[in-house]
Every structure is written in structure tokens, then in C-alpha cells.
N, C-alpha and C. Protein backbone atom coordinates (compact mmCIF):
# COMPACT_ATOMS: atom_id res chain seq x y z
N UNK A 1 62.12 -124.27 127.27
CA UNK A 1 61.13 -123.66 126.42
C UNK A 1 59.96 -123.11 127.25
N UNK A 2 59.49 -123.91 128.18
CA UNK A 2 58.39 -123.50 129.05
C UNK A 2 58.82 -122.33 129.92
N UNK A 3 60.07 -122.35 130.37
CA UNK A 3 60.61 -121.26 131.20
C UNK A 3 60.58 -119.94 130.42
N UNK A 4 60.94 -119.98 129.15
CA UNK A 4 60.94 -118.76 128.33
C UNK A 4 59.53 -118.24 128.11
N UNK A 5 58.58 -119.13 127.95
CA UNK A 5 57.18 -118.75 127.75
C UNK A 5 56.64 -118.04 128.99
N UNK A 6 56.94 -118.56 130.14
CA UNK A 6 56.50 -117.95 131.40
C UNK A 6 57.16 -116.59 131.59
N UNK A 7 58.44 -116.50 131.29
CA UNK A 7 59.17 -115.23 131.42
C UNK A 7 58.61 -114.18 130.45
N UNK A 8 58.28 -114.58 129.24
CA UNK A 8 57.72 -113.65 128.26
C UNK A 8 56.36 -113.12 128.73
N UNK A 9 55.49 -113.99 129.26
CA UNK A 9 54.20 -113.56 129.77
C UNK A 9 54.37 -112.60 130.94
N UNK A 10 55.32 -112.89 131.81
CA UNK A 10 55.59 -112.02 132.96
C UNK A 10 56.09 -110.65 132.49
N UNK A 11 56.95 -110.62 131.48
CA UNK A 11 57.45 -109.35 130.93
C UNK A 11 56.31 -108.52 130.32
N UNK A 12 55.44 -109.19 129.59
CA UNK A 12 54.30 -108.49 129.00
C UNK A 12 53.39 -107.95 130.08
N UNK A 13 53.15 -108.72 131.13
CA UNK A 13 52.31 -108.27 132.24
C UNK A 13 52.94 -107.07 132.95
N UNK A 14 54.23 -107.12 133.23
CA UNK A 14 54.90 -105.99 133.89
C UNK A 14 54.89 -104.74 133.01
N UNK A 15 55.13 -104.90 131.73
CA UNK A 15 55.10 -103.75 130.82
C UNK A 15 53.69 -103.15 130.76
N UNK A 16 52.68 -104.00 130.74
CA UNK A 16 51.29 -103.51 130.71
C UNK A 16 50.94 -102.77 131.99
N UNK A 17 51.34 -103.31 133.13
CA UNK A 17 51.07 -102.64 134.41
C UNK A 17 51.79 -101.30 134.49
N UNK A 18 53.01 -101.26 134.02
CA UNK A 18 53.77 -99.99 134.02
C UNK A 18 53.08 -98.97 133.12
N UNK A 19 52.63 -99.40 131.97
CA UNK A 19 51.92 -98.52 131.04
C UNK A 19 50.65 -97.98 131.67
N UNK A 20 49.86 -98.82 132.31
CA UNK A 20 48.62 -98.39 132.97
C UNK A 20 48.93 -97.43 134.11
N UNK A 21 49.94 -97.72 134.90
CA UNK A 21 50.32 -96.86 136.02
C UNK A 21 50.74 -95.47 135.54
N UNK A 22 51.61 -95.42 134.53
CA UNK A 22 52.04 -94.13 134.00
C UNK A 22 50.89 -93.38 133.34
N UNK A 23 49.99 -94.09 132.69
CA UNK A 23 48.82 -93.45 132.09
C UNK A 23 47.91 -92.85 133.15
N UNK A 24 47.74 -93.55 134.27
CA UNK A 24 46.92 -93.02 135.36
C UNK A 24 47.55 -91.77 135.97
N UNK A 25 48.86 -91.78 136.13
CA UNK A 25 49.55 -90.58 136.66
C UNK A 25 49.37 -89.42 135.69
N UNK A 26 49.54 -89.66 134.41
CA UNK A 26 49.37 -88.60 133.41
C UNK A 26 47.95 -88.03 133.45
N UNK A 27 46.95 -88.89 133.47
CA UNK A 27 45.56 -88.42 133.49
C UNK A 27 45.25 -87.65 134.77
N UNK A 28 45.74 -88.13 135.90
CA UNK A 28 45.51 -87.42 137.15
C UNK A 28 46.14 -86.04 137.12
N UNK A 29 47.35 -85.94 136.60
CA UNK A 29 48.02 -84.65 136.50
C UNK A 29 47.27 -83.73 135.55
N UNK A 30 46.86 -84.27 134.42
CA UNK A 30 46.15 -83.47 133.41
C UNK A 30 44.80 -82.97 133.94
N UNK A 31 44.12 -83.79 134.73
CA UNK A 31 42.80 -83.41 135.24
C UNK A 31 42.87 -82.46 136.44
N UNK A 32 43.85 -82.65 137.31
CA UNK A 32 43.85 -81.92 138.56
C UNK A 32 44.87 -80.79 138.65
N UNK A 33 45.85 -80.76 137.78
CA UNK A 33 46.83 -79.68 137.80
C UNK A 33 46.24 -78.46 137.12
N UNK A 34 46.59 -77.30 137.56
CA UNK A 34 46.18 -76.03 136.98
C UNK A 34 44.66 -75.87 136.98
N UNK A 35 43.97 -76.34 138.02
CA UNK A 35 42.53 -76.24 138.07
C UNK A 35 42.02 -75.03 138.84
N UNK A 36 42.89 -74.30 139.50
CA UNK A 36 42.43 -73.13 140.23
C UNK A 36 42.04 -72.04 139.25
N UNK A 37 41.09 -71.21 139.65
CA UNK A 37 40.65 -70.12 138.79
C UNK A 37 41.73 -69.07 138.68
N UNK A 38 42.14 -68.80 137.48
CA UNK A 38 43.15 -67.78 137.24
C UNK A 38 42.47 -66.42 137.17
N UNK A 39 43.16 -65.41 137.66
CA UNK A 39 42.60 -64.06 137.58
C UNK A 39 43.19 -63.29 136.41
N UNK A 40 44.33 -63.73 135.90
CA UNK A 40 44.95 -63.08 134.75
C UNK A 40 45.56 -64.13 133.83
N UNK A 41 45.69 -63.73 132.56
CA UNK A 41 46.42 -64.54 131.58
C UNK A 41 47.43 -63.61 130.93
N UNK A 42 48.63 -64.12 130.74
CA UNK A 42 49.71 -63.35 130.15
C UNK A 42 50.05 -63.95 128.80
N UNK A 43 50.11 -63.11 127.77
CA UNK A 43 50.51 -63.53 126.44
C UNK A 43 51.94 -63.06 126.23
N UNK A 44 52.83 -64.01 125.99
CA UNK A 44 54.24 -63.70 125.77
C UNK A 44 54.59 -63.94 124.31
N UNK A 45 55.54 -63.13 123.82
CA UNK A 45 56.04 -63.33 122.48
C UNK A 45 57.56 -63.45 122.56
N UNK A 46 58.11 -64.42 121.86
CA UNK A 46 59.56 -64.60 121.82
C UNK A 46 60.11 -65.03 123.17
N UNK A 47 61.34 -64.65 123.42
CA UNK A 47 62.01 -65.06 124.65
C UNK A 47 61.84 -64.03 125.76
N UNK A 48 61.00 -63.05 125.54
CA UNK A 48 60.82 -61.98 126.51
C UNK A 48 60.20 -62.52 127.80
N UNK A 49 60.65 -61.98 128.92
CA UNK A 49 60.06 -62.35 130.20
C UNK A 49 58.94 -61.40 130.58
N UNK A 50 58.70 -60.38 129.76
CA UNK A 50 57.60 -59.44 129.98
C UNK A 50 56.46 -59.79 129.03
N UNK A 51 55.23 -59.88 129.56
CA UNK A 51 54.11 -60.20 128.67
C UNK A 51 53.82 -59.06 127.71
N UNK A 52 53.49 -59.42 126.48
CA UNK A 52 53.12 -58.42 125.49
C UNK A 52 51.69 -57.94 125.72
N UNK A 53 50.84 -58.85 126.24
CA UNK A 53 49.44 -58.52 126.55
C UNK A 53 49.08 -59.19 127.88
N UNK A 54 48.32 -58.48 128.69
CA UNK A 54 47.80 -59.03 129.94
C UNK A 54 46.28 -59.03 129.86
N UNK A 55 45.68 -60.18 130.11
CA UNK A 55 44.22 -60.30 130.13
C UNK A 55 43.80 -60.38 131.60
N UNK A 56 43.11 -59.37 132.07
CA UNK A 56 42.66 -59.30 133.47
C UNK A 56 41.21 -59.77 133.51
N UNK A 57 40.99 -61.01 133.95
CA UNK A 57 39.65 -61.58 133.98
C UNK A 57 38.78 -60.93 135.05
N UNK A 58 39.36 -60.50 136.15
CA UNK A 58 38.60 -59.92 137.26
C UNK A 58 37.99 -58.58 136.86
N UNK A 59 38.79 -57.72 136.25
CA UNK A 59 38.33 -56.38 135.87
C UNK A 59 37.82 -56.30 134.44
N UNK A 60 37.89 -57.39 133.70
CA UNK A 60 37.40 -57.41 132.32
C UNK A 60 38.19 -56.50 131.40
N UNK A 61 39.50 -56.52 131.53
CA UNK A 61 40.36 -55.65 130.73
C UNK A 61 41.41 -56.46 129.99
N UNK A 62 41.77 -55.93 128.81
CA UNK A 62 42.91 -56.46 128.07
C UNK A 62 43.89 -55.31 127.93
N UNK A 63 45.10 -55.51 128.42
CA UNK A 63 46.10 -54.45 128.48
C UNK A 63 47.26 -54.80 127.56
N UNK A 64 47.51 -53.90 126.59
CA UNK A 64 48.67 -54.05 125.72
C UNK A 64 49.86 -53.44 126.45
N UNK A 65 50.87 -54.25 126.74
CA UNK A 65 52.03 -53.78 127.50
C UNK A 65 53.07 -53.11 126.61
N UNK A 66 53.22 -53.58 125.39
CA UNK A 66 54.14 -52.96 124.43
C UNK A 66 53.82 -53.48 123.04
N UNK A 67 54.30 -52.75 122.02
CA UNK A 67 54.10 -53.16 120.63
C UNK A 67 55.18 -54.15 120.23
N UNK A 68 54.79 -55.06 119.35
CA UNK A 68 55.74 -56.02 118.81
C UNK A 68 56.69 -55.32 117.85
N UNK A 69 57.90 -55.77 117.83
CA UNK A 69 58.89 -55.26 116.88
C UNK A 69 58.72 -56.03 115.57
N UNK A 70 58.12 -55.37 114.56
CA UNK A 70 57.86 -56.03 113.28
C UNK A 70 58.54 -55.23 112.16
N UNK A 71 58.88 -55.89 111.06
CA UNK A 71 59.49 -55.18 109.92
C UNK A 71 58.55 -54.11 109.36
N UNK A 72 59.12 -53.13 108.70
CA UNK A 72 58.35 -52.03 108.12
C UNK A 72 57.42 -52.47 107.00
N UNK A 73 57.60 -53.66 106.47
CA UNK A 73 56.77 -54.14 105.37
C UNK A 73 55.36 -54.51 105.82
N UNK A 74 55.13 -54.59 107.13
CA UNK A 74 53.80 -54.92 107.64
C UNK A 74 53.04 -53.64 107.94
N UNK A 75 51.76 -53.63 107.55
CA UNK A 75 50.93 -52.44 107.70
C UNK A 75 50.40 -52.24 109.12
N UNK A 76 50.20 -53.32 109.85
CA UNK A 76 49.58 -53.23 111.17
C UNK A 76 50.61 -53.14 112.28
N UNK A 77 50.16 -52.61 113.40
CA UNK A 77 50.96 -52.59 114.62
C UNK A 77 50.43 -53.72 115.49
N UNK A 78 51.30 -54.66 115.82
CA UNK A 78 50.91 -55.84 116.59
C UNK A 78 51.35 -55.68 118.03
N UNK A 79 50.62 -56.22 118.97
CA UNK A 79 49.41 -57.02 118.86
C UNK A 79 48.18 -56.15 118.57
N UNK A 80 47.22 -56.77 117.90
CA UNK A 80 45.94 -56.11 117.61
C UNK A 80 44.91 -56.66 118.59
N UNK A 81 44.29 -55.78 119.35
CA UNK A 81 43.27 -56.19 120.31
C UNK A 81 41.90 -55.78 119.77
N UNK A 82 41.04 -56.77 119.54
CA UNK A 82 39.69 -56.53 119.04
C UNK A 82 38.72 -56.86 120.18
N UNK A 83 38.23 -55.83 120.84
CA UNK A 83 37.36 -56.03 122.01
C UNK A 83 35.96 -56.49 121.63
N UNK A 84 35.53 -56.25 120.38
CA UNK A 84 34.22 -56.72 119.94
C UNK A 84 34.23 -58.23 119.72
N UNK A 85 35.30 -58.73 119.16
CA UNK A 85 35.43 -60.17 118.88
C UNK A 85 36.11 -60.92 120.01
N UNK A 86 36.60 -60.19 121.02
CA UNK A 86 37.37 -60.79 122.13
C UNK A 86 38.57 -61.57 121.61
N UNK A 87 39.33 -60.93 120.73
CA UNK A 87 40.51 -61.58 120.17
C UNK A 87 41.74 -60.70 120.28
N UNK A 88 42.88 -61.35 120.29
CA UNK A 88 44.18 -60.71 120.26
C UNK A 88 44.93 -61.34 119.09
N UNK A 89 45.49 -60.52 118.22
CA UNK A 89 46.25 -61.02 117.08
C UNK A 89 47.71 -60.63 117.26
N UNK A 90 48.57 -61.64 117.26
CA UNK A 90 50.00 -61.45 117.43
C UNK A 90 50.68 -61.96 116.15
N UNK A 91 51.75 -61.30 115.75
CA UNK A 91 52.51 -61.76 114.59
C UNK A 91 53.52 -62.80 115.07
N UNK A 92 53.37 -64.02 114.57
CA UNK A 92 54.25 -65.10 114.98
C UNK A 92 55.54 -65.12 114.18
N UNK A 93 56.42 -66.04 114.51
CA UNK A 93 57.71 -66.16 113.84
C UNK A 93 57.71 -67.19 112.71
N UNK A 94 56.69 -68.04 112.65
CA UNK A 94 56.65 -69.06 111.61
C UNK A 94 56.38 -68.39 110.26
N UNK A 95 57.18 -68.72 109.26
CA UNK A 95 57.03 -68.09 107.95
C UNK A 95 56.60 -69.11 106.90
N UNK A 96 55.76 -68.63 105.99
CA UNK A 96 55.38 -69.40 104.81
C UNK A 96 55.66 -68.51 103.63
N UNK A 97 56.54 -68.96 102.75
CA UNK A 97 56.99 -68.17 101.59
C UNK A 97 57.51 -66.80 102.02
N UNK A 98 58.21 -66.75 103.12
CA UNK A 98 58.80 -65.51 103.59
C UNK A 98 57.86 -64.57 104.33
N UNK A 99 56.62 -64.99 104.55
CA UNK A 99 55.64 -64.14 105.23
C UNK A 99 55.39 -64.71 106.62
N UNK A 100 55.57 -63.88 107.64
CA UNK A 100 55.30 -64.32 109.01
C UNK A 100 53.80 -64.49 109.20
N UNK A 101 53.44 -65.52 109.93
CA UNK A 101 52.04 -65.87 110.13
C UNK A 101 51.49 -65.25 111.41
N UNK A 102 50.18 -65.02 111.41
CA UNK A 102 49.54 -64.44 112.59
C UNK A 102 49.03 -65.55 113.51
N UNK A 103 48.92 -65.20 114.78
CA UNK A 103 48.33 -66.08 115.79
C UNK A 103 47.17 -65.32 116.40
N UNK A 104 45.97 -65.89 116.30
CA UNK A 104 44.77 -65.24 116.83
C UNK A 104 44.34 -65.98 118.09
N UNK A 105 44.21 -65.21 119.17
CA UNK A 105 43.88 -65.76 120.49
C UNK A 105 42.53 -65.22 120.90
N UNK A 106 41.62 -66.10 121.29
CA UNK A 106 40.30 -65.68 121.78
C UNK A 106 40.28 -65.82 123.30
N UNK A 107 39.74 -64.82 123.96
CA UNK A 107 39.61 -64.86 125.42
C UNK A 107 38.14 -64.73 125.79
N UNK A 108 37.79 -65.29 126.95
CA UNK A 108 36.41 -65.25 127.45
C UNK A 108 36.47 -64.87 128.92
N UNK A 109 35.97 -63.66 129.23
CA UNK A 109 35.99 -63.18 130.61
C UNK A 109 35.10 -64.03 131.51
N UNK A 110 33.95 -64.47 131.01
CA UNK A 110 33.02 -65.26 131.81
C UNK A 110 33.60 -66.59 132.26
N UNK A 111 34.23 -67.30 131.33
CA UNK A 111 34.82 -68.60 131.64
C UNK A 111 36.24 -68.48 132.18
N UNK A 112 36.83 -67.27 132.07
CA UNK A 112 38.24 -67.06 132.41
C UNK A 112 39.12 -68.02 131.62
N UNK A 113 38.87 -68.02 130.32
CA UNK A 113 39.58 -68.96 129.45
C UNK A 113 40.21 -68.25 128.26
N UNK A 114 41.16 -68.95 127.67
CA UNK A 114 41.88 -68.47 126.49
C UNK A 114 42.04 -69.64 125.53
N UNK A 115 41.98 -69.33 124.23
CA UNK A 115 42.13 -70.37 123.22
C UNK A 115 42.81 -69.78 121.99
N UNK A 116 43.74 -70.52 121.41
CA UNK A 116 44.34 -70.13 120.14
C UNK A 116 43.41 -70.65 119.06
N UNK A 117 42.81 -69.73 118.31
CA UNK A 117 41.79 -70.14 117.33
C UNK A 117 42.30 -70.14 115.90
N UNK A 118 43.38 -69.42 115.63
CA UNK A 118 43.91 -69.40 114.26
C UNK A 118 45.41 -69.23 114.30
N UNK A 119 46.10 -70.05 113.54
CA UNK A 119 47.54 -69.97 113.41
C UNK A 119 47.98 -70.90 112.31
N UNK A 120 49.13 -70.64 111.77
CA UNK A 120 49.72 -71.51 110.76
C UNK A 120 51.03 -72.04 111.33
N UNK A 121 51.12 -73.34 111.41
CA UNK A 121 52.33 -74.01 111.86
C UNK A 121 52.24 -75.45 111.39
N UNK A 122 53.33 -76.19 111.47
CA UNK A 122 53.25 -77.60 111.06
C UNK A 122 52.20 -78.34 111.89
N UNK A 123 51.27 -78.96 111.20
CA UNK A 123 50.19 -79.75 111.81
C UNK A 123 49.23 -78.93 112.65
N UNK A 124 49.33 -77.63 112.68
CA UNK A 124 48.44 -76.75 113.44
C UNK A 124 48.24 -77.22 114.87
N UNK A 125 49.31 -77.60 115.51
CA UNK A 125 49.25 -78.12 116.87
C UNK A 125 48.77 -77.06 117.86
N UNK A 126 49.16 -75.82 117.64
CA UNK A 126 48.82 -74.75 118.58
C UNK A 126 47.31 -74.58 118.70
N UNK A 127 46.61 -74.56 117.58
CA UNK A 127 45.16 -74.35 117.64
C UNK A 127 44.41 -75.61 118.05
N UNK A 128 45.07 -76.74 118.06
CA UNK A 128 44.43 -77.99 118.50
C UNK A 128 44.47 -78.17 120.01
N UNK A 129 45.21 -77.32 120.71
CA UNK A 129 45.33 -77.46 122.16
C UNK A 129 44.01 -77.20 122.87
N UNK A 130 43.11 -76.48 122.25
CA UNK A 130 41.80 -76.24 122.81
C UNK A 130 41.77 -75.08 123.78
N UNK A 131 40.65 -74.97 124.46
CA UNK A 131 40.42 -73.87 125.40
C UNK A 131 41.04 -74.22 126.75
N UNK A 132 41.68 -73.23 127.37
CA UNK A 132 42.34 -73.48 128.64
C UNK A 132 41.91 -72.44 129.67
N UNK A 133 41.75 -72.91 130.91
CA UNK A 133 41.45 -72.02 132.02
C UNK A 133 42.59 -71.99 133.03
N UNK A 134 43.68 -72.62 132.73
CA UNK A 134 44.81 -72.63 133.65
C UNK A 134 46.03 -73.33 133.10
N UNK A 135 45.81 -74.23 132.17
CA UNK A 135 46.90 -74.97 131.56
C UNK A 135 47.61 -74.05 130.57
N UNK A 136 48.94 -73.92 130.61
CA UNK A 136 49.65 -73.03 129.67
C UNK A 136 49.46 -73.49 128.22
N UNK A 137 49.33 -72.54 127.33
CA UNK A 137 49.24 -72.82 125.90
C UNK A 137 50.54 -72.35 125.26
N UNK A 138 51.15 -73.22 124.48
CA UNK A 138 52.44 -72.90 123.89
C UNK A 138 52.37 -73.14 122.39
N UNK A 139 52.73 -72.12 121.63
CA UNK A 139 52.78 -72.22 120.17
C UNK A 139 54.23 -72.01 119.76
N UNK A 140 54.99 -73.08 119.81
CA UNK A 140 56.44 -73.00 119.65
C UNK A 140 56.90 -72.48 118.29
N UNK A 141 56.33 -72.94 117.17
CA UNK A 141 56.86 -72.43 115.90
C UNK A 141 56.67 -70.91 115.75
N UNK A 142 55.65 -70.38 116.39
CA UNK A 142 55.37 -68.95 116.31
C UNK A 142 55.94 -68.17 117.49
N UNK A 143 56.52 -68.88 118.47
CA UNK A 143 57.12 -68.28 119.66
C UNK A 143 56.12 -67.46 120.46
N UNK A 144 54.91 -67.99 120.61
CA UNK A 144 53.87 -67.35 121.42
C UNK A 144 53.48 -68.33 122.51
N UNK A 145 53.35 -67.82 123.72
CA UNK A 145 52.90 -68.67 124.83
C UNK A 145 51.95 -67.88 125.70
N UNK A 146 51.04 -68.61 126.34
CA UNK A 146 50.05 -68.00 127.23
C UNK A 146 50.15 -68.71 128.57
N UNK A 147 50.33 -67.93 129.61
CA UNK A 147 50.42 -68.48 130.96
C UNK A 147 49.36 -67.80 131.83
N UNK A 148 48.90 -68.53 132.82
CA UNK A 148 47.87 -68.02 133.72
C UNK A 148 48.47 -67.73 135.08
N UNK A 149 47.84 -66.83 135.79
CA UNK A 149 48.32 -66.51 137.13
C UNK A 149 47.23 -65.84 137.94
N UNK A 150 47.57 -65.55 139.16
CA UNK A 150 46.68 -64.83 140.05
C UNK A 150 47.28 -63.49 140.37
N UNK A 151 46.47 -62.49 140.29
CA UNK A 151 46.91 -61.14 140.61
C UNK A 151 46.95 -61.02 142.13
N UNK A 152 48.07 -60.57 142.69
CA UNK A 152 48.20 -60.46 144.14
C UNK A 152 47.15 -59.54 144.74
N UNK A 153 46.66 -58.57 143.99
CA UNK A 153 45.65 -57.65 144.51
C UNK A 153 44.33 -58.34 144.76
N UNK A 154 44.08 -59.49 144.13
CA UNK A 154 42.83 -60.21 144.32
C UNK A 154 42.72 -60.78 145.73
N UNK A 155 43.84 -60.94 146.42
CA UNK A 155 43.81 -61.61 147.71
C UNK A 155 43.91 -60.66 148.88
N UNK A 156 43.89 -59.37 148.62
CA UNK A 156 43.94 -58.39 149.71
C UNK A 156 42.56 -58.30 150.34
N UNK A 157 42.53 -58.45 151.66
CA UNK A 157 41.24 -58.43 152.37
C UNK A 157 41.07 -57.09 153.06
């Protein structure tokens, strides 16, 4: 009986140490990964390997690379770039009552950051990810993702 009690305490101690160790690794990765200043952010839609929008933080430009393929029932041509509000609106794939939902992305040239500020999806996980300066933002139900990178021209001396 005493042997089992000692073994149980040892198991709890080992499990706790493993949990703390893995938590420390996760926090270190979350804090120190993707911390370099990005010069561009790419907004992707669907499975395409070409970005639909490129945000150039260095030159303060937002470049629409191509229009989204949307049904004729929609009045707007997506993506919509609003330079006054610093937003990009993309039509996502998540539907509510047969209507595809929009994803609104805010960018900030000064902070070199991007944030998903409006979207409809289960639990609104995409808009809860917060503002990012290097960490990829992924909105899976709407098939929108944002990745950061460095423009090779920035490093030419």
C-alpha cells in the first residue's frame, strides 16, 4: 500500500514537471518566434499559392494582385481595399443561410501589423487571434490566411 502511494506521488510529480517543461517551450516559442520586423504581409484566399493582396509596409502600399472569383449574385468586386480605414475586405467561404461571410482585415503601416477585425465563423476564432507583426493569422472556415515576409529588395545595399 505504501509502495503504491509513493509511486502515485512520483507519477504526479513527473506529469507536473513534464507539463511545466512543455509549457515553457510553448511560451518561449510564442514569444521569440516570428519577432523580426516584416516588410510585407501577404493575404491569401483559398488554396492559391499566389497572394490576393500584398501589403508593403516599407513603401506604404496595398497591392491587389487579382480579383476574387465570386458568384454573380454579389454586387461588389472582392477584395475591397479601403485606404482611408486601412482595411481589406475579402469574401470568405463560411456561409450562414447560404450567404458567404466577409473577412475584414486591418493593417497598420506604422506598427507593421495586421489584424482580422471582423468575420463570421464558429466561435469567431479568427478575430480573436489579435494583432500580429509576424505570426501568421489563419481563418480556416473562411479559407483566408495572412503570412509575413521580407522583401528581398529591402536588403540590397
